[in-house]
PDB file of N, CA and C in Angstrom:
ATOM      1  N   MET A   1      34.175  43.943  44.889  1.00  0.00           N
ATOM      2  CA  MET A   1      34.700  42.585  45.308  1.00  0.00           C
ATOM      3  C   MET A   1      33.266  41.744  45.568  1.00  0.00           C
ATOM      4  N   ALA A   2      32.193  42.839  45.902  1.00  0.00           N
ATOM      5  CA  ALA A   2      31.123  42.607  46.290  1.00  0.00           C
ATOM      6  C   ALA A   2      29.812  42.143  44.984  1.00  0.00           C
ATOM      7  N   ASP A   3      31.053  42.381  43.618  1.00  0.00           N
ATOM      8  CA  ASP A   3      30.589  42.673  42.540  1.00  0.00           C
ATOM      9  C   ASP A   3      30.703  40.889  42.096  1.00  0.00           C
ATOM     10  N   HIS A   4      31.900  40.969  42.405  1.00  0.00           N
ATOM     11  CA  HIS A   4      32.314  39.572  41.877  1.00  0.00           C
ATOM     12  C   HIS A   4      31.805  38.551  42.713  1.00  0.00           C
ATOM     13  N   GLY A   5      31.436  38.771  44.138  1.00  0.00           N
ATOM     14  CA  GLY A   5      30.914  37.508  44.659  1.00  0.00           C
ATOM     15  C   GLY A   5      29.610  37.607  44.373  1.00  0.00           C
ATOM     16  N   ALA A   6      28.800  38.914  44.145  1.00  0.00           N
ATOM     17  CA  ALA A   6      27.498  38.596  43.222  1.00  0.00           C
ATOM     18  C   ALA A   6      27.205  37.664  41.794  1.00  0.00           C
ATOM     19  N   GLN A   7      28.541  37.956  40.972  1.00  0.00           N
ATOM     20  CA  GLN A   7      28.488  37.023  39.422  1.00  0.00           C
ATOM     21  C   GLN A   7      28.710  36.068  39.999  1.00  0.00           C
ATOM     22  N   LEU A   8      29.697  35.570  41.049  1.00  0.00           N
ATOM     23  CA  LEU A   8      29.922  33.862  41.442  1.00  0.00           C
ATOM     24  C   LEU A   8      28.672  33.354  42.046  1.00  0.00           C
ATOM     25  N   GLN A   9      28.299  34.177  42.370  1.00  0.00           N
ATOM     26  CA  GLN A   9      26.503  33.415  43.190  1.00  0.00           C
ATOM     27  C   GLN A   9      25.907  33.381  42.010  1.00  0.00           C
ATOM     28  N   ALA A  10      25.969  33.995  41.123  1.00  0.00           N
ATOM     29  CA  ALA A  10      24.901  33.724  39.919  1.00  0.00           C
ATOM     30  C   ALA A  10      25.706  32.637  38.897  1.00  0.00           C
ATOM     31  N   TYR A  11      26.817  32.735  38.881  1.00  0.00           N
ATOM     32  CA  TYR A  11      27.436  31.074  38.256  1.00  0.00           C
ATOM     33  C   TYR A  11      27.088  29.926  39.110  1.00  0.00           C
ATOM     34  N   ASN A  12      27.158  29.951  40.485  1.00  0.00           N
ATOM     35  CA  ASN A  12      26.685  28.846  40.923  1.00  0.00           C
ATOM     36  C   ASN A  12      25.494  28.554  40.741  1.00  0.00           C
ATOM     37  N   ASN A  13      24.519  29.450  41.179  1.00  0.00           N
ATOM     38  CA  ASN A  13      22.861  29.310  41.053  1.00  0.00           C
ATOM     39  C   ASN A  13      22.412  28.471  39.090  1.00  0.00           C
ATOM     40  N   GLU A  14      23.330  29.025  38.778  1.00  0.00           N
ATOM     41  CA  GLU A  14      23.337  28.833  36.963  1.00  0.00           C
ATOM     42  C   GLU A  14      23.514  27.284  36.566  1.00  0.00           C
ATOM     43  N   LEU A  15      24.775  26.970  37.631  1.00  0.00           N
ATOM     44  CA  LEU A  15      25.851  25.951  37.253  1.00  0.00           C
ATOM     45  C   LEU A  15      24.987  24.608  38.186  1.00  0.00           C
ATOM     46  N   VAL A  16      24.229  25.047  39.266  1.00  0.00           N
ATOM     47  CA  VAL A  16      23.069  23.965  40.101  1.00  0.00           C
ATOM     48  C   VAL A  16      21.836  23.992  39.198  1.00  0.00           C
ATOM     49  N   GLN A  17      21.670  24.742  38.416  1.00  0.00           N
ATOM     50  CA  GLN A  17      20.462  24.449  37.827  1.00  0.00           C
ATOM     51  C   GLN A  17      20.513  24.267  36.514  1.00  0.00           C
ATOM     52  N   TYR A  18      21.399  23.865  35.900  1.00  0.00           N
ATOM     53  CA  TYR A  18      22.112  22.620  34.990  1.00  0.00           C
ATOM     54  C   TYR A  18      22.138  21.614  35.734  1.00  0.00           C
ATOM     55  N   LEU A  19      22.594  21.404  36.584  1.00  0.00           N
ATOM     56  CA  LEU A  19      22.901  19.948  36.927  1.00  0.00           C
ATOM     57  C   LEU A  19      21.866  19.581  37.458  1.00  0.00           C
ATOM     58  N   GLU A  20      20.710  19.902  38.211  1.00  0.00           N
ATOM     59  CA  GLU A  20      19.701  19.423  38.212  1.00  0.00           C
ATOM     60  C   GLU A  20      18.633  19.458  37.316  1.00  0.00           C
ATOM     61  N   ASP A  21      18.903  20.033  35.810  1.00  0.00           N
ATOM     62  CA  ASP A  21      18.417  19.887  34.856  1.00  0.00           C
ATOM     63  C   ASP A  21      19.111  18.442  34.253  1.00  0.00           C
ATOM     64  N   LEU A  22      20.372  18.798  34.207  1.00  0.00           N
ATOM     65  CA  LEU A  22      21.095  16.976  33.818  1.00  0.00           C
ATOM     66  C   LEU A  22      20.596  15.784  34.441  1.00  0.00           C
ATOM     67  N   ARG A  23      20.491  16.080  35.829  1.00  0.00           N
ATOM     68  CA  ARG A  23      20.027  14.821  36.526  1.00  0.00           C
ATOM     69  C   ARG A  23      18.469  14.525  36.387  1.00  0.00           C
ATOM     70  N   GLU A  24      17.649  15.529  35.917  1.00  0.00           N
ATOM     71  CA  GLU A  24      16.432  15.180  35.203  1.00  0.00           C
ATOM     72  C   GLU A  24      16.258  14.292  34.197  1.00  0.00           C
ATOM     73  N   ARG A  25      17.198  14.922  33.383  1.00  0.00           N
ATOM     74  CA  ARG A  25      17.335  14.386  31.949  1.00  0.00           C
ATOM     75  C   ARG A  25      17.798  13.013  32.394  1.00  0.00           C
ATOM     76  N   GLN A  26      18.726  12.405  33.149  1.00  0.00           N
ATOM     77  CA  GLN A  26      19.565  11.130  33.304  1.00  0.00           C
ATOM     78  C   GLN A  26      17.959  10.604  33.890  1.00  0.00           C
ATOM     79  N   GLY A  27      17.716  11.188  34.837  1.00  0.00           N
ATOM     80  CA  GLY A  27      16.064  10.354  35.354  1.00  0.00           C
ATOM     81  C   GLY A  27      15.532   9.720  34.307  1.00  0.00           C
ATOM     82  N   VAL A  28      15.234  10.371  33.106  1.00  0.00           N
ATOM     83  CA  VAL A  28      14.423  10.330  32.404  1.00  0.00           C
ATOM     84  C   VAL A  28      14.920   9.105  31.727  1.00  0.00           C
ATOM     85  N   LEU A  29      15.693   9.543  30.953  1.00  0.00           N
ATOM     86  CA  LEU A  29      16.972   8.458  30.215  1.00  0.00           C
ATOM     87  C   LEU A  29      16.907   6.839  30.836  1.00  0.00           C
ATOM     88  N   ARG A  30      17.127   6.999  31.645  1.00  0.00           N
ATOM     89  CA  ARG A  30      16.817   5.935  32.725  1.00  0.00           C
ATOM     90  C   ARG A  30      15.530   5.069  32.879  1.00  0.00           C
ATOM     91  N   GLY A  31      14.745   6.136  33.087  1.00  0.00           N
ATOM     92  CA  GLY A  31      13.190   5.208  32.755  1.00  0.00           C
ATOM     93  C   GLY A  31      12.957   4.371  31.331  1.00  0.00           C
ATOM     94  N   HIS A  32      13.419   5.137  30.503  1.00  0.00           N
ATOM     95  CA  HIS A  32      13.288   4.477  28.791  1.00  0.00           C
ATOM     96  C   HIS A  32      14.197   3.409  28.881  1.00  0.00           C
ATOM     97  N   ILE A  33      15.382   3.471  29.009  1.00  0.00           N
ATOM     98  CA  ILE A  33      16.397   2.630  29.799  1.00  0.00           C
ATOM     99  C   ILE A  33      15.440   1.164  30.090  1.00  0.00           C
ATOM    100  N   SER A  34      15.027   1.365  31.144  1.00  0.00           N
ATOM    101  CA  SER A  34      14.482  -0.039  32.162  1.00  0.00           C
ATOM    102  C   SER A  34      13.311  -0.152  31.297  1.00  0.00           C
ATOM    103  N   LYS A  35      12.335   0.952  30.906  1.00  0.00           N
ATOM    104  CA  LYS A  35      11.241   0.196  29.773  1.00  0.00           C
ATOM    105  C   LYS A  35      11.601  -0.717  28.776  1.00  0.00           C
ATOM    106  N   GLN A  36      12.828  -0.178  28.259  1.00  0.00           N
ATOM    107  CA  GLN A  36      13.107  -0.789  26.962  1.00  0.00           C
ATOM    108  C   GLN A  36      13.742  -2.372  27.523  1.00  0.00           C
ATOM    109  N   GLU A  37      14.928  -2.029  28.568  1.00  0.00           N
ATOM    110  CA  GLU A  37      15.016  -3.630  28.680  1.00  0.00           C
ATOM    111  C   GLU A  37      14.150  -4.198  29.266  1.00  0.00           C
ATOM    112  N   SER A  38      12.841  -3.994  29.621  1.00  0.00           N
ATOM    113  CA  SER A  38      11.979  -4.795  30.120  1.00  0.00           C
ATOM    114  C   SER A  38      11.751  -5.255  28.995  1.00  0.00           C
ATOM    115  N   GLU A  39      10.961  -4.257  27.464  1.00  0.00           N
ATOM    116  CA  GLU A  39      10.403  -5.162  26.472  1.00  0.00           C
ATOM    117  C   GLU A  39      11.299  -6.157  25.832  1.00  0.00           C
ATOM    118  N   ARG A  40      12.554  -5.630  25.761  1.00  0.00           N
ATOM    119  CA  ARG A  40      13.541  -6.523  25.721  1.00  0.00           C
ATOM    120  C   ARG A  40      13.807  -8.162  25.766  1.00  0.00           C
ATOM    121  N   GLN A  41      13.171  -8.092  27.250  1.00  0.00           N
ATOM    122  CA  GLN A  41      13.645  -9.209  27.961  1.00  0.00           C
ATOM    123  C   GLN A  41      11.979 -10.454  27.375  1.00  0.00           C
ATOM    124  N   VAL A  42      10.892  -9.292  27.404  1.00  0.00           N
ATOM    125  CA  VAL A  42       9.420 -10.003  27.215  1.00  0.00           C
ATOM    126  C   VAL A  42       9.757 -10.524  25.734  1.00  0.00           C
ATOM    127  N   LEU A  43      10.391  -9.853  24.860  1.00  0.00           N
ATOM    128  CA  LEU A  43      10.516 -10.224  23.501  1.00  0.00           C
ATOM    129  C   LEU A  43      11.593 -11.564  23.196  1.00  0.00           C
ATOM    130  N   ALA A  44      12.674 -11.298  24.319  1.00  0.00           N
ATOM    131  CA  ALA A  44      13.685 -12.550  23.940  1.00  0.00           C
ATOM    132  C   ALA A  44      12.456 -13.998  24.758  1.00  0.00           C
ATOM    133  N   GLN A  45      12.159 -13.925  25.612  1.00  0.00           N
ATOM    134  CA  GLN A  45      11.049 -14.913  26.006  1.00  0.00           C
ATOM    135  C   GLN A  45      10.487 -15.018  24.725  1.00  0.00           C
ATOM    136  N   GLN A  46       9.664 -14.099  24.068  1.00  0.00           N
ATOM    137  CA  GLN A  46       8.586 -14.750  23.082  1.00  0.00           C
ATOM    138  C   GLN A  46       9.926 -15.418  22.122  1.00  0.00           C
ATOM    139  N   ILE A  47      10.866 -14.668  21.670  1.00  0.00           N
ATOM    140  CA  ILE A  47      11.724 -15.513  20.636  1.00  0.00           C
ATOM    141  C   ILE A  47      12.008 -16.917  21.094  1.00  0.00           C
ATOM    142  N   ALA A  48      12.651 -17.294  22.465  1.00  0.00           N
ATOM    143  CA  ALA A  48      12.971 -18.366  23.082  1.00  0.00           C
ATOM    144  C   ALA A  48      11.429 -19.228  22.830  1.00  0.00           C
ATOM    145  N   SER A  49      10.438 -18.819  22.915  1.00  0.00           N
ATOM    146  CA  SER A  49       8.998 -19.809  23.070  1.00  0.00           C
ATOM    147  C   SER A  49       9.087 -20.086  21.686  1.00  0.00           C
ATOM    148  N   LEU A  50       9.147 -19.264  20.642  1.00  0.00           N
ATOM    149  CA  LEU A  50       9.089 -19.363  19.330  1.00  0.00           C
ATOM    150  C   LEU A  50      10.010 -20.605  18.227  1.00  0.00           C
ATOM    151  N   GLN A  51      10.902 -20.225  19.539  1.00  0.00           N
ATOM    152  CA  GLN A  51      12.277 -21.048  18.745  1.00  0.00           C
ATOM    153  C   GLN A  51      11.656 -22.648  19.176  1.00  0.00           C
ATOM    154  N   GLU A  52      11.230 -22.846  20.287  1.00  0.00           N
ATOM    155  CA  GLU A  52      11.272 -23.878  20.977  1.00  0.00           C
ATOM    156  C   GLU A  52       9.982 -24.605  20.308  1.00  0.00           C
ATOM    157  N   ARG A  53       8.961 -23.650  19.715  1.00  0.00           N
ATOM    158  CA  ARG A  53       7.677 -24.285  19.052  1.00  0.00           C
ATOM    159  C   ARG A  53       7.740 -24.561  17.275  1.00  0.00           C
ATOM    160  N   LEU A  54       9.024 -23.618  17.305  1.00  0.00           N
ATOM    161  CA  LEU A  54       9.145 -23.801  15.664  1.00  0.00           C
ATOM    162  C   LEU A  54      10.261 -25.507  15.437  1.00  0.00           C
ATOM    163  N   GLN A  55      10.892 -25.675  16.267  1.00  0.00           N
ATOM    164  CA  GLN A  55      12.113 -26.755  16.798  1.00  0.00           C
ATOM    165  C   GLN A  55      10.952 -28.206  16.447  1.00  0.00           C
ATOM    166  N   ALA A  56       9.640 -27.694  17.410  1.00  0.00           N
ATOM    167  CA  ALA A  56       8.816 -28.845  17.676  1.00  0.00           C
ATOM    168  C   ALA A  56       7.860 -29.195  16.457  1.00  0.00           C
ATOM    169  N   LEU A  57       7.956 -28.373  15.722  1.00  0.00           N
ATOM    170  CA  LEU A  57       7.320 -28.574  14.602  1.00  0.00           C
ATOM    171  C   LEU A  57       7.963 -28.896  13.517  1.00  0.00           C
ATOM    172  N   ASP A  58       9.251 -28.391  13.270  1.00  0.00           N
ATOM    173  CA  ASP A  58       9.968 -29.208  12.324  1.00  0.00           C
ATOM    174  C   ASP A  58      10.454 -30.630  12.379  1.00  0.00           C
ATOM    175  N   ASP A  59      10.734 -30.915  13.842  1.00  0.00           N
ATOM    176  CA  ASP A  59      10.675 -32.419  14.518  1.00  0.00           C
ATOM    177  C   ASP A  59       9.530 -33.512  13.753  1.00  0.00           C
ATOM    178  N   SER A  60       8.422 -32.861  14.066  1.00  0.00           N
ATOM    179  CA  SER A  60       6.685 -33.182  13.920  1.00  0.00           C
ATOM    180  C   SER A  60       6.691 -33.770  12.342  1.00  0.00           C
ATOM    181  N   LEU A  61       7.010 -32.068  11.390  1.00  0.00           N
ATOM    182  CA  LEU A  61       7.088 -32.262  10.408  1.00  0.00           C
ATOM    183  C   LEU A  61       8.246 -33.737   9.508  1.00  0.00           C
ATOM    184  N   ALA A  62       9.321 -33.588  10.130  1.00  0.00           N
ATOM    185  CA  ALA A  62      10.136 -34.742  10.019  1.00  0.00           C
ATOM    186  C   ALA A  62       9.503 -36.173   9.703  1.00  0.00           C
ATOM    187  N   LYS A  63       9.068 -35.956  10.954  1.00  0.00           N
ATOM    188  CA  LYS A  63       8.577 -37.863  11.261  1.00  0.00           C
ATOM    189  C   LYS A  63       7.084 -37.677   9.865  1.00  0.00           C
ATOM    190  N   LYS A  64       6.423 -36.512  10.102  1.00  0.00           N
ATOM    191  CA  LYS A  64       5.160 -36.614   9.110  1.00  0.00           C
ATOM    192  C   LYS A  64       5.961 -37.065   7.398  1.00  0.00           C
ATOM    193  N   TYR A  65       7.033 -36.016   6.880  1.00  0.00           N
ATOM    194  CA  TYR A  65       7.472 -36.728   5.474  1.00  0.00           C
ATOM    195  C   TYR A  65       8.208 -37.922   5.874  1.00  0.00           C
ATOM    196  N   ASP A  66       9.042 -38.246   6.555  1.00  0.00           N
ATOM    197  CA  ASP A  66       9.034 -39.657   6.348  1.00  0.00           C
ATOM    198  C   ASP A  66       8.011 -40.684   6.349  1.00  0.00           C
ATOM    199  N   ALA A  67       6.983 -40.250   6.920  1.00  0.00           N
ATOM    200  CA  ALA A  67       5.913 -41.385   6.908  1.00  0.00           C
ATOM    201  C   ALA A  67       4.991 -41.433   5.545  1.00  0.00           C
ATOM    202  N   MET A  68       5.030 -39.811   4.917  1.00  0.00           N
ATOM    203  CA  MET A  68       4.623 -39.972   3.815  1.00  0.00           C
ATOM    204  C   MET A  68       5.044 -40.632   2.670  1.00  0.00           C
ATOM    205  N   SER A  69       6.707 -40.526   3.003  1.00  0.00           N
ATOM    206  CA  SER A  69       7.950 -41.687   2.091  1.00  0.00           C
ATOM    207  C   SER A  69       7.351 -42.932   1.965  1.00  0.00           C
ATOM    208  N   GLU A  70       6.978 -43.155   3.143  1.00  0.00           N
ATOM    209  CA  GLU A  70       6.560 -44.629   3.539  1.00  0.00           C
ATOM    210  C   GLU A  70       5.170 -44.943   2.454  1.00  0.00           C
ATOM    211  N   PHE A  71       4.625 -44.435   2.864  1.00  0.00           N
ATOM    212  CA  PHE A  71       2.941 -44.330   2.201  1.00  0.00           C
ATOM    213  C   PHE A  71       3.639 -44.336   0.404  1.00  0.00           C
ATOM    214  N   ASP A  72       3.943 -43.580   0.320  1.00  0.00           N
ATOM    215  CA  ASP A  72       4.577 -43.151  -1.183  1.00  0.00           C
ATOM    216  C   ASP A  72       5.005 -44.639  -2.022  1.00  0.00           C
ATOM    217  N   ARG A  73       5.889 -45.439  -1.100  1.00  0.00           N
ATOM    218  CA  ARG A  73       6.802 -46.518  -1.620  1.00  0.00           C
ATOM    219  C   ARG A  73       5.526 -47.616  -1.262  1.00  0.00           C
ATOM    220  N   ALA A  74       4.909 -47.738  -0.541  1.00  0.00           N
ATOM    221  CA  ALA A  74       3.698 -48.921  -0.344  1.00  0.00           C
ATOM    222  C   ALA A  74       3.036 -48.671  -1.398  1.00  0.00           C
ATOM    223  N   ILE A  75       2.674 -47.396  -1.745  1.00  0.00           N
ATOM    224  CA  ILE A  75       1.596 -47.172  -2.560  1.00  0.00           C
ATOM    225  C   ILE A  75       2.145 -47.720  -4.238  1.00  0.00           C
ATOM    226  N   ASN A  76       2.836 -47.318  -4.323  1.00  0.00           N
ATOM    227  CA  ASN A  76       4.243 -47.580  -5.553  1.00  0.00           C
ATOM    228  C   ASN A  76       4.308 -49.645  -5.688  1.00  0.00           C
ATOM    229  N   GLN A  77       4.923 -49.701  -4.809  1.00  0.00           N
ATOM    230  CA  GLN A  77       4.669 -51.224  -4.850  1.00  0.00           C
ATOM    231  C   GLN A  77       3.510 -51.620  -4.901  1.00  0.00           C
ATOM    232  N   THR A  78       2.013 -51.578  -4.384  1.00  0.00           N
ATOM    233  CA  THR A  78       1.255 -51.767  -4.476  1.00  0.00           C
ATOM    234  C   THR A  78       0.625 -52.017  -5.957  1.00  0.00           C
ATOM    235  N   GLU A  79       0.867 -50.517  -6.337  1.00  0.00           N
ATOM    236  CA  GLU A  79       0.191 -50.316  -7.637  1.00  0.00           C
ATOM    237  C   GLU A  79       1.064 -51.256  -8.811  1.00  0.00           C
ATOM    238  N   GLU A  80       2.640 -51.407  -8.399  1.00  0.00           N
ATOM    239  CA  GLU A  80       3.444 -51.966  -9.036  1.00  0.00           C
ATOM    240  C   GLU A  80       2.966 -54.029  -9.244  1.00  0.00           C
ATOM    241  N   ALA A  81       2.334 -54.092  -8.224  1.00  0.00           N
ATOM    242  CA  ALA A  81       2.367 -55.574  -7.877  1.00  0.00           C
ATOM    243  C   ALA A  81       0.964 -55.624  -8.860  1.00  0.00           C
ATOM    244  N   PHE A  82      -0.053 -54.924  -8.330  1.00  0.00           N
ATOM    245  CA  PHE A  82      -1.392 -54.817  -9.102  1.00  0.00           C
ATOM    246  C   PHE A  82      -1.332 -55.074 -10.553  1.00  0.00           C
ATOM    247  N   ALA A  83      -0.715 -54.249 -11.192  1.00  0.00           N
ATOM    248  CA  ALA A  83      -0.527 -53.639 -12.589  1.00  0.00           C
ATOM    249  C   ALA A  83       0.295 -55.234 -12.997  1.00  0.00           C
ATOM    250  N   LYS A  84       0.798 -55.983 -12.248  1.00  0.00           N
ATOM    251  CA  LYS A  84       1.978 -57.328 -12.896  1.00  0.00           C
ATOM    252  C   LYS A  84       0.024 -58.257 -12.500  1.00  0.00           C
ATOM    253  N   ILE A  85      -0.306 -58.065 -11.698  1.00  0.00           N
ATOM    254  CA  ILE A  85      -1.434 -59.368 -11.540  1.00  0.00           C
ATOM    255  C   ILE A  85      -2.738 -59.002 -12.554  1.00  0.00           C
ATOM    256  N   VAL A  86      -2.778 -57.631 -12.841  1.00  0.00           N
ATOM    257  CA  VAL A  86      -3.855 -57.489 -14.307  1.00  0.00           C
ATOM    258  C   VAL A  86      -2.961 -57.643 -15.480  1.00  0.00           C
ATOM    259  N   GLU A  87      -1.243 -57.836 -15.521  1.00  0.00           N
ATOM    260  CA  GLU A  87      -1.253 -58.264 -17.070  1.00  0.00           C
ATOM    261  C   GLU A  87      -0.949 -60.100 -16.823  1.00  0.00           C
ATOM    262  N   THR A  88      -0.704 -60.401 -16.000  1.00  0.00           N
ATOM    263  CA  THR A  88      -0.800 -62.246 -15.823  1.00  0.00           C
ATOM    264  C   THR A  88      -2.206 -62.204 -16.078  1.00  0.00           C
ATOM    265  N   SER A  89      -3.227 -61.878 -15.374  1.00  0.00           N
ATOM    266  CA  SER A  89      -4.553 -62.371 -15.328  1.00  0.00           C
ATOM    267  C   SER A  89      -4.810 -62.105 -17.083  1.00  0.00           C
ATOM    268  N   ALA A  90      -4.526 -61.156 -17.761  1.00  0.00           N
ATOM    269  CA  ALA A  90      -4.654 -60.723 -18.986  1.00  0.00           C
ATOM    270  C   ALA A  90      -3.888 -61.639 -19.928  1.00  0.00           C
ATOM    271  N   ALA A  91      -2.949 -62.406 -19.528  1.00  0.00           N
ATOM    272  CA  ALA A  91      -2.471 -63.329 -20.265  1.00  0.00           C
ATOM    273  C   ALA A  91      -3.151 -64.611 -20.217  1.00  0.00           C
ATOM    274  N   LEU A  92      -3.465 -65.173 -18.889  1.00  0.00           N
ATOM    275  CA  LEU A  92      -4.025 -66.285 -18.354  1.00  0.00           C
ATOM    276  C   LEU A  92      -5.429 -66.582 -19.270  1.00  0.00           C
ATOM    277  N   VAL A  93      -6.092 -65.000 -19.283  1.00  0.00           N
ATOM    278  CA  VAL A  93      -6.941 -64.993 -19.905  1.00  0.00           C
ATOM    279  C   VAL A  93      -7.333 -65.546 -21.469  1.00  0.00           C
ATOM    280  N   GLN A  94      -6.312 -64.774 -21.883  1.00  0.00           N
ATOM    281  CA  GLN A  94      -5.386 -64.868 -23.328  1.00  0.00           C
ATOM    282  C   GLN A  94      -5.496 -66.734 -23.744  1.00  0.00           C
ATOM    283  N   SER A  95      -4.998 -67.394 -22.562  1.00  0.00           N
ATOM    284  CA  SER A  95      -4.190 -68.570 -22.627  1.00  0.00           C
ATOM    285  C   SER A  95      -5.338 -69.371 -22.740  1.00  0.00           C
ATOM    286  N   VAL A  96      -6.288 -69.058 -21.989  1.00  0.00           N
ATOM    287  CA  VAL A  96      -7.339 -69.797 -21.521  1.00  0.00           C
ATOM    288  C   VAL A  96      -8.111 -70.101 -22.761  1.00  0.00           C
ATOM    289  N   LYS A  97      -8.489 -68.705 -23.103  1.00  0.00           N
ATOM    290  CA  LYS A  97      -9.184 -68.791 -24.289  1.00  0.00           C
ATOM    291  C   LYS A  97      -8.743 -69.413 -25.574  1.00  0.00           C
ATOM    292  N   LYS A  98      -7.766 -69.457 -25.775  1.00  0.00           N
ATOM    293  CA  LYS A  98      -6.859 -69.850 -27.051  1.00  0.00           C
ATOM    294  C   LYS A  98      -7.014 -71.773 -26.818  1.00  0.00           C
ATOM    295  N   ASP A  99      -6.911 -71.840 -25.955  1.00  0.00           N
ATOM    296  CA  ASP A  99      -6.949 -73.543 -25.019  1.00  0.00           C
ATOM    297  C   ASP A  99      -8.521 -73.729 -25.288  1.00  0.00           C
ATOM    298  N   ALA A 100      -9.465 -73.181 -25.442  1.00  0.00           N
ATOM    299  CA  ALA A 100     -10.669 -73.443 -25.214  1.00  0.00           C
ATOM    300  C   ALA A 100     -11.339 -73.464 -26.634  1.00  0.00           C
ATOM    301  N   GLN A 101     -10.522 -72.461 -27.275  1.00  0.00           N
ATOM    302  CA  GLN A 101     -10.810 -72.174 -28.924  1.00  0.00           C
ATOM    303  C   GLN A 101     -10.414 -73.554 -29.617  1.00  0.00           C
ATOM    304  N   THR A 102      -8.821 -73.742 -29.401  1.00  0.00           N
ATOM    305  CA  THR A 102      -8.074 -75.376 -29.944  1.00  0.00           C
ATOM    306  C   THR A 102      -9.233 -76.679 -29.432  1.00  0.00           C
ATOM    307  N   LEU A 103      -9.508 -76.556 -27.916  1.00  0.00           N
ATOM    308  CA  LEU A 103     -10.280 -77.660 -27.744  1.00  0.00           C
ATOM    309  C   LEU A 103     -11.732 -77.939 -28.502  1.00  0.00           C
ATOM    310  N   LEU A 104     -12.315 -76.795 -28.399  1.00  0.00           N
ATOM    311  CA  LEU A 104     -13.620 -76.728 -29.242  1.00  0.00           C
ATOM    312  C   LEU A 104     -13.482 -77.035 -30.677  1.00  0.00           C
ATOM    313  N   ALA A 105     -11.939 -76.387 -31.337  1.00  0.00           N
ATOM    314  CA  ALA A 105     -12.329 -77.108 -32.796  1.00  0.00           C
ATOM    315  C   ALA A 105     -11.774 -78.274 -32.791  1.00  0.00           C
ATOM    316  N   SER A 106     -10.858 -78.674 -31.794  1.00  0.00           N
ATOM    317  CA  SER A 106     -10.616 -80.151 -32.134  1.00  0.00           C
ATOM    318  C   SER A 106     -12.068 -81.036 -31.791  1.00  0.00           C
ATOM    319  N   LYS A 107     -12.456 -80.856 -30.922  1.00  0.00           N
ATOM    320  CA  LYS A 107     -13.781 -81.584 -30.375  1.00  0.00           C
ATOM    321  C   LYS A 107     -14.972 -81.393 -31.689  1.00  0.00           C
ATOM    322  N   SER A 108     -14.910 -80.449 -32.271  1.00  0.00           N
ATOM    323  CA  SER A 108     -15.950 -80.374 -33.520  1.00  0.00           C
ATOM    324  C   SER A 108     -15.001 -81.031 -34.899  1.00  0.00           C
ATOM    325  N   LYS A 109     -14.341 -81.339 -35.188  1.00  0.00           N
ATOM    326  CA  LYS A 109     -13.425 -81.894 -36.025  1.00  0.00           C
ATOM    327  C   LYS A 109     -13.605 -83.748 -35.490  1.00  0.00           C
ATOM    328  N   ARG A 110     -13.632 -83.618 -34.488  1.00  0.00           N
ATOM    329  CA  ARG A 110     -14.060 -85.503 -34.422  1.00  0.00           C
ATOM    330  C   ARG A 110     -15.353 -85.737 -34.539  1.00  0.00           C
ATOM    331  N   THR A 111     -16.216 -84.884 -34.267  1.00  0.00           N
ATOM    332  CA  THR A 111     -17.443 -85.498 -34.104  1.00  0.00           C
ATOM    333  C   THR A 111     -18.062 -85.342 -35.576  1.00  0.00           C
TER     334      THR A 111
END
């Protein structure tokens, strides 16, 4: 019977040792979890901040693209108007040149 008691005591000591080992491992794991949760929280805040920044940049770019389109439109209209002015000026020069030649020719015939 004493043998059974000693064996029971050995099992009990072994069981207590395993429980302490499991609790120690659980504590280490709890520390790792806590550390990763903290890191996760920091990353989540950084992501939120970056998403805010990205949205602000997208909004700014959209406004700048709209402004760029307005510049393109104004430049195209100006270039078209200038081309018409050049074309009209060339036609006017040709017309005045022709009229001048006609007048000079008719004046030389009269004299």
